[in-house]
PDB file of N, CA and C in Angstrom:
ATOM      1  N   UNK A   1       0.618  -1.207   0.128  1.00  0.00           N
ATOM      2  CA  UNK A   1      -0.021   0.012  -0.020  1.00  0.00           C
ATOM      3  C   UNK A   1       0.960   1.122  -0.082  1.00  0.00           C
ATOM      4  N   UNK A   2       0.638   2.391  -0.911  1.00  0.00           N
ATOM      5  CA  UNK A   2       1.553   3.303  -1.051  1.00  0.00           C
ATOM      6  C   UNK A   2       0.470   4.558  -1.370  1.00  0.00           C
ATOM      7  N   UNK A   3       0.704   5.980  -1.129  1.00  0.00           N
ATOM      8  CA  UNK A   3      -0.038   6.865  -1.328  1.00  0.00           C
ATOM      9  C   UNK A   3       0.501   8.440  -0.856  1.00  0.00           C
ATOM     10  N   UNK A   4      -0.369   9.210  -0.974  1.00  0.00           N
ATOM     11  CA  UNK A   4       0.091  10.553  -0.100  1.00  0.00           C
ATOM     12  C   UNK A   4      -0.847  11.165   0.875  1.00  0.00           C
ATOM     13  N   UNK A   5      -0.620  11.837   1.929  1.00  0.00           N
ATOM     14  CA  UNK A   5      -1.690  12.163   2.703  1.00  0.00           C
ATOM     15  C   UNK A   5      -1.074  13.899   2.895  1.00  0.00           C
ATOM     16  N   UNK A   6      -2.232  14.853   2.969  1.00  0.00           N
ATOM     17  CA  UNK A   6      -2.209  16.322   3.397  1.00  0.00           C
ATOM     18  C   UNK A   6      -1.785  17.093   1.859  1.00  0.00           C
ATOM     19  N   UNK A   7      -2.504  18.082   2.343  1.00  0.00           N
ATOM     20  CA  UNK A   7      -2.539  19.137   1.315  1.00  0.00           C
ATOM     21  C   UNK A   7      -1.631  20.246   1.402  1.00  0.00           C
ATOM     22  N   UNK A   8      -1.189  21.072   2.350  1.00  0.00           N
ATOM     23  CA  UNK A   8      -0.331  21.821   2.425  1.00  0.00           C
ATOM     24  C   UNK A   8       1.148  21.251   2.576  1.00  0.00           C
ATOM     25  N   UNK A   9       0.899  20.423   3.509  1.00  0.00           N
ATOM     26  CA  UNK A   9       2.382  19.401   3.292  1.00  0.00           C
ATOM     27  C   UNK A   9       2.406  18.016   3.006  1.00  0.00           C
ATOM     28  N   UNK A  10       3.194  17.446   1.932  1.00  0.00           N
ATOM     29  CA  UNK A  10       2.976  16.327   1.702  1.00  0.00           C
ATOM     30  C   UNK A  10       3.374  15.404   2.396  1.00  0.00           C
ATOM     31  N   UNK A  11       2.788  14.091   2.444  1.00  0.00           N
ATOM     32  CA  UNK A  11       3.611  12.830   3.330  1.00  0.00           C
ATOM     33  C   UNK A  11       3.412  11.668   2.330  1.00  0.00           C
ATOM     34  N   UNK A  12       4.628  10.912   2.091  1.00  0.00           N
ATOM     35  CA  UNK A  12       4.377   9.936   0.934  1.00  0.00           C
ATOM     36  C   UNK A  12       4.539   8.457   2.225  1.00  0.00           C
ATOM     37  N   UNK A  13       3.713   7.805   1.840  1.00  0.00           N
ATOM     38  CA  UNK A  13       3.884   6.485   2.616  1.00  0.00           C
ATOM     39  C   UNK A  13       3.946   5.236   1.914  1.00  0.00           C
ATOM     40  N   UNK A  14       4.504   4.237   2.369  1.00  0.00           N
ATOM     41  CA  UNK A  14       4.621   2.781   1.855  1.00  0.00           C
ATOM     42  C   UNK A  14       4.482   1.621   3.167  1.00  0.00           C
ATOM     43  N   UNK A  15       3.638   0.894   2.833  1.00  0.00           N
ATOM     44  CA  UNK A  15       3.458  -0.101   3.808  1.00  0.00           C
ATOM     45  C   UNK A  15       3.193  -1.655   3.515  1.00  0.00           C
ATOM     46  N   UNK A  16       4.211  -2.540   3.696  1.00  0.00           N
ATOM     47  CA  UNK A  16       4.248  -3.634   3.520  1.00  0.00           C
ATOM     48  C   UNK A  16       4.180  -5.070   4.106  1.00  0.00           C
ATOM     49  N   UNK A  17       3.697  -5.814   4.058  1.00  0.00           N
ATOM     50  CA  UNK A  17       3.531  -7.038   4.593  1.00  0.00           C
ATOM     51  C   UNK A  17       3.502  -8.489   4.176  1.00  0.00           C
ATOM     52  N   UNK A  18       4.218  -9.332   4.589  1.00  0.00           N
ATOM     53  CA  UNK A  18       4.013 -10.702   3.675  1.00  0.00           C
ATOM     54  C   UNK A  18       4.369 -11.994   4.786  1.00  0.00           C
ATOM     55  N   UNK A  19       3.671 -12.935   4.771  1.00  0.00           N
ATOM     56  CA  UNK A  19       3.995 -14.193   5.819  1.00  0.00           C
ATOM     57  C   UNK A  19       4.606 -15.292   4.988  1.00  0.00           C
ATOM     58  N   UNK A  20       5.171 -16.154   5.534  1.00  0.00           N
ATOM     59  CA  UNK A  20       5.496 -17.282   4.908  1.00  0.00           C
ATOM     60  C   UNK A  20       5.479 -18.524   5.930  1.00  0.00           C
ATOM     61  N   UNK A  21       5.211 -19.686   5.625  1.00  0.00           N
ATOM     62  CA  UNK A  21       5.259 -20.797   6.503  1.00  0.00           C
ATOM     63  C   UNK A  21       5.708 -22.370   5.524  1.00  0.00           C
ATOM     64  N   UNK A  22       5.979 -23.313   6.260  1.00  0.00           N
ATOM     65  CA  UNK A  22       6.034 -24.428   5.445  1.00  0.00           C
ATOM     66  C   UNK A  22       4.864 -24.737   4.756  1.00  0.00           C
ATOM     67  N   UNK A  23       5.082 -26.000   3.656  1.00  0.00           N
ATOM     68  CA  UNK A  23       3.843 -26.231   3.029  1.00  0.00           C
ATOM     69  C   UNK A  23       3.495 -27.714   3.123  1.00  0.00           C
ATOM     70  N   UNK A  24       2.552 -28.085   3.267  1.00  0.00           N
ATOM     71  CA  UNK A  24       2.214 -29.401   3.549  1.00  0.00           C
ATOM     72  C   UNK A  24       3.057 -30.485   4.432  1.00  0.00           C
ATOM     73  N   UNK A  25       3.431 -31.601   3.970  1.00  0.00           N
ATOM     74  CA  UNK A  25       3.980 -32.402   5.440  1.00  0.00           C
ATOM     75  C   UNK A  25       5.493 -32.169   5.115  1.00  0.00           C
ATOM     76  N   UNK A  26       6.168 -31.253   5.023  1.00  0.00           N
ATOM     77  CA  UNK A  26       7.383 -30.586   5.207  1.00  0.00           C
ATOM     78  C   UNK A  26       7.920 -30.785   6.741  1.00  0.00           C
ATOM     79  N   UNK A  27       8.731 -31.620   6.792  1.00  0.00           N
ATOM     80  CA  UNK A  27       9.200 -31.661   8.007  1.00  0.00           C
ATOM     81  C   UNK A  27      10.074 -30.536   8.951  1.00  0.00           C
ATOM     82  N   UNK A  28      10.528 -29.288   7.942  1.00  0.00           N
ATOM     83  CA  UNK A  28      10.677 -28.008   8.944  1.00  0.00           C
ATOM     84  C   UNK A  28       9.693 -27.059   8.865  1.00  0.00           C
ATOM     85  N   UNK A  29       9.375 -27.274  10.002  1.00  0.00           N
ATOM     86  CA  UNK A  29       8.023 -26.685  10.476  1.00  0.00           C
ATOM     87  C   UNK A  29       8.748 -25.143  10.850  1.00  0.00           C
ATOM     88  N   UNK A  30       8.119 -24.079   9.882  1.00  0.00           N
ATOM     89  CA  UNK A  30       8.574 -22.613  10.204  1.00  0.00           C
ATOM     90  C   UNK A  30       7.605 -21.723  10.024  1.00  0.00           C
ATOM     91  N   UNK A  31       7.821 -20.518  10.547  1.00  0.00           N
ATOM     92  CA  UNK A  31       6.937 -19.192  10.081  1.00  0.00           C
ATOM     93  C   UNK A  31       7.611 -18.099  10.144  1.00  0.00           C
ATOM     94  N   UNK A  32       7.431 -17.030   9.427  1.00  0.00           N
ATOM     95  CA  UNK A  32       8.382 -16.114   8.954  1.00  0.00           C
ATOM     96  C   UNK A  32       7.795 -14.783   8.691  1.00  0.00           C
ATOM     97  N   UNK A  33       7.817 -13.597   9.125  1.00  0.00           N
ATOM     98  CA  UNK A  33       6.797 -12.316   8.350  1.00  0.00           C
ATOM     99  C   UNK A  33       8.125 -11.294   8.367  1.00  0.00           C
ATOM    100  N   UNK A  34       7.625 -10.850   7.395  1.00  0.00           N
ATOM    101  CA  UNK A  34       8.387  -9.581   6.609  1.00  0.00           C
ATOM    102  C   UNK A  34       7.758  -8.298   6.745  1.00  0.00           C
ATOM    103  N   UNK A  35       7.904  -7.075   7.178  1.00  0.00           N
ATOM    104  CA  UNK A  35       7.418  -5.866   6.920  1.00  0.00           C
ATOM    105  C   UNK A  35       8.183  -4.807   6.707  1.00  0.00           C
ATOM    106  N   UNK A  36       7.540  -3.696   5.911  1.00  0.00           N
ATOM    107  CA  UNK A  36       8.341  -2.322   5.844  1.00  0.00           C
ATOM    108  C   UNK A  36       7.388  -1.249   5.644  1.00  0.00           C
ATOM    109  N   UNK A  37       7.818  -0.231   6.737  1.00  0.00           N
ATOM    110  CA  UNK A  37       7.137   0.825   6.922  1.00  0.00           C
ATOM    111  C   UNK A  37       7.826   2.188   6.584  1.00  0.00           C
ATOM    112  N   UNK A  38       7.442   3.069   5.758  1.00  0.00           N
ATOM    113  CA  UNK A  38       8.307   4.256   5.014  1.00  0.00           C
ATOM    114  C   UNK A  38       7.303   5.254   4.977  1.00  0.00           C
ATOM    115  N   UNK A  39       7.930   6.571   5.007  1.00  0.00           N
ATOM    116  CA  UNK A  39       7.258   7.623   5.355  1.00  0.00           C
ATOM    117  C   UNK A  39       8.360   8.744   4.739  1.00  0.00           C
ATOM    118  N   UNK A  40       8.000   9.693   3.710  1.00  0.00           N
ATOM    119  CA  UNK A  40       8.913  10.753   3.124  1.00  0.00           C
ATOM    120  C   UNK A  40       8.146  11.984   3.306  1.00  0.00           C
ATOM    121  N   UNK A  41       8.688  13.308   3.862  1.00  0.00           N
ATOM    122  CA  UNK A  41       8.051  14.301   3.920  1.00  0.00           C
ATOM    123  C   UNK A  41       9.047  15.259   2.850  1.00  0.00           C
ATOM    124  N   UNK A  42       8.545  16.126   2.003  1.00  0.00           N
ATOM    125  CA  UNK A  42       9.384  16.975   0.964  1.00  0.00           C
ATOM    126  C   UNK A  42      10.677  16.889   0.319  1.00  0.00           C
ATOM    127  N   UNK A  43      10.912  15.375   0.424  1.00  0.00           N
ATOM    128  CA  UNK A  43      12.172  14.826   0.140  1.00  0.00           C
ATOM    129  C   UNK A  43      13.255  15.391   0.857  1.00  0.00           C
ATOM    130  N   UNK A  44      13.164  16.000   2.435  1.00  0.00           N
ATOM    131  CA  UNK A  44      14.072  16.269   2.990  1.00  0.00           C
ATOM    132  C   UNK A  44      14.052  15.675   4.267  1.00  0.00           C
ATOM    133  N   UNK A  45      13.209  14.593   4.487  1.00  0.00           N
ATOM    134  CA  UNK A  45      13.279  13.843   5.683  1.00  0.00           C
ATOM    135  C   UNK A  45      12.666  12.382   5.263  1.00  0.00           C
ATOM    136  N   UNK A  46      13.285  11.370   5.558  1.00  0.00           N
ATOM    137  CA  UNK A  46      12.560  10.223   5.252  1.00  0.00           C
ATOM    138  C   UNK A  46      12.943   9.223   6.374  1.00  0.00           C
ATOM    139  N   UNK A  47      12.176   8.531   6.677  1.00  0.00           N
ATOM    140  CA  UNK A  47      12.133   7.402   7.978  1.00  0.00           C
ATOM    141  C   UNK A  47      11.729   5.978   7.081  1.00  0.00           C
ATOM    142  N   UNK A  48      12.548   4.868   7.558  1.00  0.00           N
ATOM    143  CA  UNK A  48      12.085   3.347   7.185  1.00  0.00           C
ATOM    144  C   UNK A  48      12.537   2.706   7.966  1.00  0.00           C
ATOM    145  N   UNK A  49      11.763   1.506   7.828  1.00  0.00           N
ATOM    146  CA  UNK A  49      12.245   0.373   8.677  1.00  0.00           C
ATOM    147  C   UNK A  49      11.678  -0.727   8.045  1.00  0.00           C
ATOM    148  N   UNK A  50      12.744  -1.824   7.877  1.00  0.00           N
ATOM    149  CA  UNK A  50      12.433  -2.965   6.966  1.00  0.00           C
ATOM    150  C   UNK A  50      12.929  -4.557   8.123  1.00  0.00           C
ATOM    151  N   UNK A  51      11.910  -4.925   8.243  1.00  0.00           N
ATOM    152  CA  UNK A  51      12.056  -6.097   9.079  1.00  0.00           C
ATOM    153  C   UNK A  51      12.084  -7.641   8.510  1.00  0.00           C
ATOM    154  N   UNK A  52      12.951  -8.673   8.478  1.00  0.00           N
ATOM    155  CA  UNK A  52      12.565  -9.898   8.185  1.00  0.00           C
ATOM    156  C   UNK A  52      12.871 -10.689   9.228  1.00  0.00           C
ATOM    157  N   UNK A  53      12.003 -11.664   9.569  1.00  0.00           N
ATOM    158  CA  UNK A  53      12.048 -12.445  10.853  1.00  0.00           C
ATOM    159  C   UNK A  53      12.148 -13.856  10.400  1.00  0.00           C
ATOM    160  N   UNK A  54      12.623 -14.561  11.325  1.00  0.00           N
ATOM    161  CA  UNK A  54      12.801 -15.983  11.331  1.00  0.00           C
ATOM    162  C   UNK A  54      12.452 -17.003  12.164  1.00  0.00           C
ATOM    163  N   UNK A  55      11.958 -18.193  11.809  1.00  0.00           N
ATOM    164  CA  UNK A  55      11.275 -19.102  13.046  1.00  0.00           C
ATOM    165  C   UNK A  55      12.772 -19.430  13.850  1.00  0.00           C
ATOM    166  N   UNK A  56      12.609 -20.155  15.047  1.00  0.00           N
ATOM    167  CA  UNK A  56      13.366 -20.708  15.518  1.00  0.00           C
ATOM    168  C   UNK A  56      13.245 -22.145  15.216  1.00  0.00           C
ATOM    169  N   UNK A  57      13.780 -22.566  14.117  1.00  0.00           N
ATOM    170  CA  UNK A  57      13.616 -23.611  13.716  1.00  0.00           C
ATOM    171  C   UNK A  57      14.678 -24.979  14.294  1.00  0.00           C
ATOM    172  N   UNK A  58      14.076 -25.971  14.829  1.00  0.00           N
ATOM    173  CA  UNK A  58      14.793 -26.788  15.641  1.00  0.00           C
ATOM    174  C   UNK A  58      14.573 -28.217  14.999  1.00  0.00           C
ATOM    175  N   UNK A  59      15.763 -28.496  13.964  1.00  0.00           N
ATOM    176  CA  UNK A  59      15.701 -30.084  13.537  1.00  0.00           C
ATOM    177  C   UNK A  59      15.536 -31.242  14.181  1.00  0.00           C
TER     178      UNK A  59
END
């Protein structure tokens, strides 16, 4: 998802989310999340966060 907000002061934003897990009878049981949040104001300031998690897989 992305877009703009505000009339006098423009804020650009992006938000992403994904989730992954094992499939069917895979012996490696895992879950992982991914998310990315960004915002930009007038191209003079930018704030971002990008996170990729991993499950604590124990064979």
